[in-house]
Amino acid sequence: MASLGSIATAPLRAQREGDKNAKSIVFLGLLWFAILFAVLALVVLLVTAFVDGRTRLDANLIEVAQPGRMNCEHHHR
């Protein structure tokens, strides 16, 4: 049985004849498409969040002693 280290560092090529058939190639193509789609979706999400929130990025964001924004009068009846 191969160790995890030898599998992780093995070259990315077919080890058996069955690894070159059409089903394997289609599966590999779909796998790469899914990974690229997920990374692209993450990038779009991060860019959208940054663009939408850029007006709130200022020094107040990282202030440690910032008081709460809730109105305490409503809680002390």
Protein backbone atom coordinates (compact mmCIF):
# COMPACT_ATOMS: atom_id res chain seq x y z
CA MET A 1 0.00 0.00 0.00
CA ALA A 2 1.30 3.44 -0.95
CA SER A 3 1.87 6.02 1.72
CA LEU A 4 0.09 9.37 1.69
CA GLY A 5 3.38 11.18 1.02
CA SER A 6 4.15 9.11 -2.05
CA ILE A 7 0.64 9.64 -3.39
CA ALA A 8 0.79 13.40 -2.82
CA THR A 9 4.14 13.75 -4.58
CA ALA A 10 3.42 11.33 -7.42
CA PRO A 11 3.42 12.81 -10.92
CA LEU A 12 0.00 13.59 -12.41
CA ARG A 13 -0.14 11.02 -15.17
CA ALA A 14 -1.94 7.78 -15.83
CA GLN A 15 -0.57 4.82 -13.90
CA ARG A 16 -2.84 2.25 -15.55
CA GLU A 17 -4.39 1.90 -19.01
CA GLY A 18 -7.86 2.48 -17.54
CA ASP A 19 -6.80 5.97 -16.42
CA LYS A 20 -6.70 7.15 -20.06
CA ASN A 21 -10.19 6.09 -21.12
CA ALA A 22 -12.93 8.56 -22.08
CA LYS A 23 -14.82 8.27 -18.78
CA SER A 24 -11.72 9.19 -16.78
CA ILE A 25 -10.94 12.16 -19.00
CA VAL A 26 -14.55 13.44 -18.83
CA PHE A 27 -14.56 13.03 -15.04
CA LEU A 28 -11.25 14.87 -14.74
CA GLY A 29 -12.58 17.67 -16.95
CA LEU A 30 -15.74 17.98 -14.84
CA LEU A 31 -13.65 17.96 -11.68
CA TRP A 32 -11.45 20.81 -12.92
CA PHE A 33 -14.55 22.73 -14.07
CA ALA A 34 -16.14 22.36 -10.63
CA ILE A 35 -12.98 23.56 -8.88
CA LEU A 36 -12.57 26.54 -11.20
CA PHE A 37 -16.26 27.43 -10.88
CA ALA A 38 -16.03 27.32 -7.07
CA VAL A 39 -12.92 29.52 -7.02
CA LEU A 40 -14.52 31.98 -9.46
CA ALA A 41 -17.70 32.12 -7.37
CA LEU A 42 -15.62 32.82 -4.26
CA VAL A 43 -13.73 35.63 -6.01
CA VAL A 44 -17.00 37.18 -7.24
CA LEU A 45 -18.47 36.94 -3.73
CA LEU A 46 -15.42 38.59 -2.13
CA VAL A 47 -15.25 41.38 -4.73
CA THR A 48 -18.99 42.05 -4.42
CA ALA A 49 -18.78 42.16 -0.62
CA PHE A 50 -15.80 44.52 -0.77
CA VAL A 51 -17.44 46.84 -3.31
CA ASP A 52 -20.73 46.94 -1.38
CA GLY A 53 -18.97 47.55 1.95
CA ARG A 54 -16.20 49.90 0.87
CA THR A 55 -18.06 52.92 2.25
CA ARG A 56 -17.95 51.38 5.73
CA LEU A 57 -14.21 50.67 5.65
CA ASP A 58 -12.64 53.28 7.87
CA ALA A 59 -10.72 53.60 11.13
CA ASN A 60 -13.92 53.00 13.16
CA LEU A 61 -13.98 49.41 11.92
CA ILE A 62 -10.93 48.43 13.97
CA GLU A 63 -11.46 50.55 17.08
CA VAL A 64 -11.30 48.35 20.16
CA ALA A 65 -13.26 50.53 22.58
CA GLN A 66 -16.14 51.35 20.28
CA PRO A 67 -19.38 51.63 22.29
CA GLY A 68 -22.40 49.59 21.31
CA ARG A 69 -24.85 51.19 18.92
CA MET A 70 -28.01 49.97 20.69
CA ASN A 71 -30.16 52.49 22.47
CA CYS A 72 -30.08 51.33 26.09
CA GLU A 73 -33.25 53.24 27.04
CA HIS A 74 -35.41 50.61 25.35
CA HIS A 75 -33.90 47.81 27.46
CA HIS A 76 -34.30 49.43 30.89
CA ARG A 77 -38.06 49.76 31.34
